[in-house]
N, C-alpha and C. Protein backbone atom coordinates (compact mmCIF):
# COMPACT_ATOMS: atom_id res chain seq x y z
N MET A 1 0.85 -1.17 0.02
CA MET A 1 0.02 -0.01 -0.01
C MET A 1 0.91 1.25 0.03
N ALA A 2 0.71 2.12 -0.90
CA ALA A 2 1.56 3.29 -1.09
C ALA A 2 0.89 4.40 -0.33
N LYS A 3 1.64 5.15 0.39
CA LYS A 3 1.21 6.39 1.05
C LYS A 3 1.18 7.52 0.07
N ILE A 4 0.48 8.55 0.35
CA ILE A 4 0.40 9.67 -0.58
C ILE A 4 1.79 10.33 -0.78
N GLU A 5 2.53 10.41 0.29
CA GLU A 5 3.85 10.96 0.22
C GLU A 5 4.82 10.15 -0.66
N GLU A 6 4.54 8.84 -0.79
CA GLU A 6 5.40 7.96 -1.49
C GLU A 6 5.14 7.90 -3.00
N ILE A 7 4.15 8.67 -3.44
CA ILE A 7 3.83 8.62 -4.90
C ILE A 7 4.76 9.56 -5.61
N ARG A 8 5.40 8.97 -6.62
CA ARG A 8 6.39 9.72 -7.45
C ARG A 8 5.67 10.79 -8.30
N ASP A 9 6.42 11.81 -8.70
CA ASP A 9 5.83 12.92 -9.46
C ASP A 9 5.30 12.40 -10.79
N ASP A 10 5.97 11.53 -11.40
CA ASP A 10 5.45 11.02 -12.72
C ASP A 10 4.08 10.22 -12.55
N GLU A 11 3.99 9.54 -11.40
CA GLU A 11 2.71 8.82 -11.18
C GLU A 11 1.66 9.86 -10.76
N ALA A 12 1.96 10.90 -10.05
CA ALA A 12 1.06 11.89 -9.66
C ALA A 12 0.42 12.63 -10.85
N GLU A 13 1.23 12.83 -11.88
CA GLU A 13 0.72 13.47 -13.10
C GLU A 13 -0.23 12.60 -13.86
N SER A 14 -0.06 11.24 -13.79
CA SER A 14 -0.99 10.34 -14.47
C SER A 14 -2.29 10.19 -13.74
N ILE A 15 -2.34 10.48 -12.49
CA ILE A 15 -3.58 10.42 -11.68
C ILE A 15 -4.34 11.69 -11.92
N GLU A 16 -5.57 11.54 -12.46
CA GLU A 16 -6.29 12.73 -12.84
C GLU A 16 -7.22 13.30 -11.77
N ASN A 17 -7.84 12.41 -10.98
CA ASN A 17 -8.79 12.99 -9.99
C ASN A 17 -8.52 12.42 -8.63
N ILE A 18 -9.15 12.83 -7.65
CA ILE A 18 -8.93 12.42 -6.25
C ILE A 18 -9.35 10.96 -5.99
N ASP A 19 -10.31 10.46 -6.72
CA ASP A 19 -10.77 9.06 -6.53
C ASP A 19 -9.66 8.11 -6.92
N GLU A 20 -8.99 8.43 -8.01
CA GLU A 20 -7.82 7.58 -8.41
C GLU A 20 -6.74 7.66 -7.39
N LEU A 21 -6.47 8.82 -6.84
CA LEU A 21 -5.41 8.98 -5.87
C LEU A 21 -5.78 8.19 -4.58
N VAL A 22 -7.03 8.19 -4.19
CA VAL A 22 -7.48 7.44 -2.97
C VAL A 22 -7.40 5.98 -3.27
N ASP A 23 -7.83 5.54 -4.46
CA ASP A 23 -7.73 4.10 -4.79
C ASP A 23 -6.30 3.70 -4.86
N TYR A 24 -5.35 4.47 -5.40
CA TYR A 24 -4.02 4.09 -5.57
C TYR A 24 -3.33 4.06 -4.22
N SER A 25 -3.66 4.89 -3.28
CA SER A 25 -2.98 4.91 -1.96
C SER A 25 -3.48 3.79 -1.11
N GLY A 26 -4.66 3.21 -1.38
CA GLY A 26 -5.19 2.13 -0.52
C GLY A 26 -5.94 2.55 0.65
N VAL A 27 -6.22 3.81 0.80
CA VAL A 27 -7.01 4.28 1.93
C VAL A 27 -8.43 3.80 1.91
N ARG A 28 -9.05 3.72 0.74
CA ARG A 28 -10.41 3.28 0.65
C ARG A 28 -10.61 1.82 1.16
N GLN A 29 -9.57 0.97 0.78
CA GLN A 29 -9.68 -0.41 1.20
C GLN A 29 -9.50 -0.60 2.69
N LYS A 30 -8.60 0.30 3.24
CA LYS A 30 -8.35 0.21 4.70
C LYS A 30 -9.57 0.68 5.44
N LEU A 31 -10.31 1.65 4.98
CA LEU A 31 -11.50 2.15 5.66
C LEU A 31 -12.64 1.09 5.51
N GLN A 32 -12.72 0.42 4.41
CA GLN A 32 -13.76 -0.57 4.23
C GLN A 32 -13.46 -1.85 5.04
N GLN A 33 -12.24 -2.11 5.42
CA GLN A 33 -11.96 -3.31 6.14
C GLN A 33 -12.20 -3.09 7.64
N GLN A 34 -12.27 -1.89 8.13
CA GLN A 34 -12.48 -1.68 9.55
C GLN A 34 -13.93 -2.02 9.96
N PRO A 35 -14.16 -2.77 10.97
CA PRO A 35 -15.53 -3.13 11.41
C PRO A 35 -16.15 -1.90 11.98
N GLU A 36 -17.46 -1.85 11.90
CA GLU A 36 -18.24 -0.73 12.53
C GLU A 36 -18.36 -1.05 14.01
N PRO A 37 -18.27 -0.01 14.85
CA PRO A 37 -18.38 -0.19 16.29
C PRO A 37 -19.76 -0.71 16.63
N GLU A 38 -19.81 -1.61 17.58
CA GLU A 38 -21.16 -2.06 18.08
C GLU A 38 -21.72 -1.05 19.02
N VAL A 39 -23.02 -1.08 19.08
CA VAL A 39 -23.72 -0.16 19.87
C VAL A 39 -23.44 -0.39 21.39
N LEU A 40 -23.50 -1.59 21.84
CA LEU A 40 -23.24 -1.90 23.19
C LEU A 40 -22.53 -3.28 23.29
N GLU A 41 -21.31 -3.30 23.81
CA GLU A 41 -20.60 -4.45 23.92
C GLU A 41 -20.91 -5.24 25.20
N ILE A 42 -20.79 -6.55 25.16
CA ILE A 42 -21.12 -7.31 26.34
C ILE A 42 -20.12 -7.09 27.53
N GLY A 43 -18.89 -6.65 27.11
CA GLY A 43 -17.95 -6.38 28.26
C GLY A 43 -18.31 -5.23 29.03
N GLU A 44 -18.94 -4.22 28.40
CA GLU A 44 -19.38 -3.00 29.14
C GLU A 44 -20.48 -3.35 30.14
N VAL A 45 -21.38 -4.25 29.69
CA VAL A 45 -22.48 -4.65 30.61
C VAL A 45 -21.96 -5.46 31.77
N PHE A 46 -21.04 -6.38 31.38
CA PHE A 46 -20.49 -7.26 32.49
C PHE A 46 -19.66 -6.41 33.45
N GLY A 47 -18.90 -5.47 32.96
CA GLY A 47 -18.16 -4.62 33.84
C GLY A 47 -19.00 -3.77 34.71
N ALA A 48 -20.12 -3.31 34.16
CA ALA A 48 -21.07 -2.53 35.01
C ALA A 48 -21.69 -3.35 36.09
N VAL A 49 -22.09 -4.61 35.78
CA VAL A 49 -22.68 -5.45 36.67
C VAL A 49 -21.75 -5.80 37.81
N LEU A 50 -20.42 -5.95 37.45
CA LEU A 50 -19.46 -6.26 38.51
C LEU A 50 -19.24 -5.05 39.48
N HIS A 51 -19.58 -3.91 39.06
CA HIS A 51 -19.52 -2.72 39.93
C HIS A 51 -20.84 -2.50 40.64
N ILE A 52 -21.99 -2.76 39.99
CA ILE A 52 -23.25 -2.50 40.55
C ILE A 52 -23.53 -3.31 41.80
N ILE A 53 -23.18 -4.62 41.77
CA ILE A 53 -23.47 -5.52 42.87
C ILE A 53 -22.72 -5.05 44.15
N PRO A 54 -21.43 -4.83 44.14
CA PRO A 54 -20.79 -4.34 45.37
C PRO A 54 -21.25 -3.06 45.90
N PHE A 55 -21.46 -2.11 44.96
CA PHE A 55 -21.95 -0.82 45.43
C PHE A 55 -23.39 -0.86 46.03
N SER A 56 -24.17 -1.79 45.52
CA SER A 56 -25.48 -1.95 46.02
C SER A 56 -25.47 -2.53 47.46
N PHE A 57 -24.57 -3.52 47.61
CA PHE A 57 -24.40 -4.02 49.02
C PHE A 57 -23.79 -3.02 49.94
N LEU A 58 -22.87 -2.20 49.43
CA LEU A 58 -22.34 -1.11 50.28
C LEU A 58 -23.42 -0.13 50.70
N TYR A 59 -24.30 0.21 49.77
CA TYR A 59 -25.44 1.05 50.13
C TYR A 59 -26.37 0.36 51.19
N LEU A 60 -26.56 -0.97 50.96
CA LEU A 60 -27.39 -1.61 51.98
C LEU A 60 -26.71 -1.67 53.36
N LEU A 61 -25.44 -1.89 53.41
CA LEU A 61 -24.69 -1.90 54.67
C LEU A 61 -24.79 -0.48 55.36
N MET A 62 -24.53 0.51 54.52
CA MET A 62 -24.58 1.90 55.16
C MET A 62 -26.01 2.27 55.63
N ASP A 63 -26.99 1.79 54.87
CA ASP A 63 -28.37 2.09 55.36
C ASP A 63 -28.68 1.36 56.67
N LEU A 64 -28.22 0.13 56.80
CA LEU A 64 -28.38 -0.64 58.01
C LEU A 64 -27.63 -0.04 59.19
N LEU A 65 -26.39 0.44 58.91
CA LEU A 65 -25.63 1.04 59.99
C LEU A 65 -26.19 2.36 60.42
N VAL A 66 -26.76 3.16 59.49
CA VAL A 66 -27.44 4.36 59.93
C VAL A 66 -28.67 4.03 60.77
N SER A 67 -29.45 3.07 60.33
CA SER A 67 -30.63 2.67 61.11
C SER A 67 -30.17 2.16 62.55
N ALA A 68 -29.00 1.43 62.60
CA ALA A 68 -28.59 0.88 63.93
C ALA A 68 -28.08 2.03 64.79
N GLN A 69 -27.59 3.07 64.16
CA GLN A 69 -27.07 4.25 64.97
C GLN A 69 -28.28 4.89 65.71
N TYR A 70 -29.41 4.94 65.04
CA TYR A 70 -30.60 5.52 65.72
C TYR A 70 -31.47 4.45 66.41
N ASN A 71 -30.97 3.25 66.49
CA ASN A 71 -31.59 2.15 67.19
C ASN A 71 -33.03 1.87 66.61
N SER A 72 -33.19 1.93 65.31
CA SER A 72 -34.41 1.58 64.67
C SER A 72 -34.12 0.66 63.55
N TRP A 73 -34.46 -0.60 63.72
CA TRP A 73 -34.10 -1.59 62.72
C TRP A 73 -35.25 -1.70 61.73
N PRO A 74 -35.00 -1.53 60.37
CA PRO A 74 -36.07 -1.62 59.38
C PRO A 74 -36.47 -3.09 59.14
N THR A 75 -37.70 -3.28 58.74
CA THR A 75 -38.14 -4.59 58.34
C THR A 75 -37.57 -4.93 56.96
N PHE A 76 -37.76 -6.25 56.53
CA PHE A 76 -37.20 -6.62 55.28
C PHE A 76 -37.98 -5.89 54.14
N THR A 77 -39.21 -5.63 54.26
CA THR A 77 -39.97 -4.97 53.21
C THR A 77 -39.59 -3.50 53.08
N GLN A 78 -39.36 -2.90 54.24
CA GLN A 78 -38.88 -1.52 54.24
C GLN A 78 -37.48 -1.37 53.51
N GLU A 79 -36.60 -2.32 53.91
CA GLU A 79 -35.30 -2.30 53.28
C GLU A 79 -35.34 -2.64 51.81
N ALA A 80 -36.26 -3.59 51.40
CA ALA A 80 -36.44 -3.88 50.00
C ALA A 80 -36.91 -2.69 49.24
N LYS A 81 -37.89 -1.95 49.76
CA LYS A 81 -38.41 -0.74 49.10
C LYS A 81 -37.23 0.31 48.92
N GLN A 82 -36.50 0.39 49.95
CA GLN A 82 -35.37 1.37 49.95
C GLN A 82 -34.32 0.95 48.81
N MET A 83 -34.06 -0.33 48.86
CA MET A 83 -33.06 -0.79 47.76
C MET A 83 -33.71 -0.66 46.30
N ALA A 84 -35.01 -0.87 46.22
CA ALA A 84 -35.61 -0.74 44.88
C ALA A 84 -35.57 0.66 44.41
N LYS A 85 -35.52 1.65 45.33
CA LYS A 85 -35.32 3.01 44.92
C LYS A 85 -33.82 3.36 44.60
N ALA A 86 -32.93 2.77 45.31
CA ALA A 86 -31.54 3.13 45.25
C ALA A 86 -30.75 2.46 44.12
N VAL A 87 -31.06 1.17 43.87
CA VAL A 87 -30.25 0.41 42.89
C VAL A 87 -30.43 0.91 41.46
N PRO A 88 -31.57 1.40 40.94
CA PRO A 88 -31.60 1.90 39.60
C PRO A 88 -30.73 3.18 39.51
N LEU A 89 -30.72 4.00 40.52
CA LEU A 89 -29.91 5.17 40.47
C LEU A 89 -28.35 4.79 40.51
N ILE A 90 -28.03 3.85 41.33
CA ILE A 90 -26.63 3.34 41.31
C ILE A 90 -26.31 2.79 40.00
N THR A 91 -27.20 2.05 39.36
CA THR A 91 -26.97 1.45 38.09
C THR A 91 -26.68 2.53 37.01
N VAL A 92 -27.51 3.50 36.96
CA VAL A 92 -27.38 4.61 36.00
C VAL A 92 -26.01 5.28 36.16
N ILE A 93 -25.71 5.62 37.43
CA ILE A 93 -24.35 6.33 37.69
C ILE A 93 -23.22 5.43 37.29
N ILE A 94 -23.20 4.18 37.65
CA ILE A 94 -22.07 3.30 37.34
C ILE A 94 -21.98 3.02 35.84
N PHE A 95 -23.12 2.78 35.24
CA PHE A 95 -23.08 2.43 33.73
C PHE A 95 -22.69 3.67 32.93
N TYR A 96 -23.14 4.88 33.33
CA TYR A 96 -22.70 6.07 32.66
C TYR A 96 -21.20 6.33 32.81
N TYR A 97 -20.70 6.18 34.02
CA TYR A 97 -19.33 6.38 34.28
C TYR A 97 -18.50 5.39 33.62
N GLY A 98 -18.97 4.10 33.66
CA GLY A 98 -18.25 3.00 33.06
C GLY A 98 -18.13 3.07 31.55
N CYS A 99 -19.22 3.55 30.89
CA CYS A 99 -19.21 3.72 29.42
C CYS A 99 -18.30 4.81 28.99
N ASN A 100 -18.18 5.85 29.79
CA ASN A 100 -17.36 6.97 29.37
C ASN A 100 -16.04 6.97 30.03
N MET A 101 -15.66 5.92 30.80
CA MET A 101 -14.41 5.91 31.43
C MET A 101 -13.25 5.92 30.45
N TYR A 102 -13.34 5.10 29.37
CA TYR A 102 -12.24 5.04 28.49
C TYR A 102 -12.36 5.95 27.23
N THR A 103 -13.56 6.62 27.12
CA THR A 103 -13.79 7.50 26.01
C THR A 103 -13.02 8.81 26.23
N TYR A 104 -13.10 9.35 27.31
CA TYR A 104 -12.55 10.70 27.62
C TYR A 104 -11.31 10.45 28.49
N SER A 105 -10.31 11.35 28.29
CA SER A 105 -9.11 11.26 29.14
C SER A 105 -9.35 11.84 30.49
N HIS A 106 -8.90 11.18 31.45
CA HIS A 106 -9.05 11.63 32.83
C HIS A 106 -7.81 12.38 33.24
N PRO A 107 -7.90 13.42 34.01
CA PRO A 107 -6.65 14.18 34.35
C PRO A 107 -5.66 13.40 35.20
N LEU A 108 -6.13 12.36 35.96
CA LEU A 108 -5.28 11.57 36.74
C LEU A 108 -4.62 10.32 36.06
N ARG A 109 -5.00 10.13 34.87
CA ARG A 109 -4.50 8.99 34.12
C ARG A 109 -3.30 9.41 33.19
């Protein structure tokens, strides 16, 4: 595959339009060979689940410790309702951060 800089002057004169130049350099074939990115990869979902589970249990532990601090132990149904409210929010935060973690450069990396 020839780069545009490697094309000699006599070859450049014989190439009449930009399509011939692109075909000659091999850029078009290289672009056609690259696969299109998938919308959602299974690795992103698996990585998000690996973070959602521990953070949900951390929230549960903190909620129980705060309840114990005030000496009022919640019932299982109360705690289940509280977790049903909190886990979707934890999921959105972790999945959003996980999807964009490698897209944008972080100042500490």
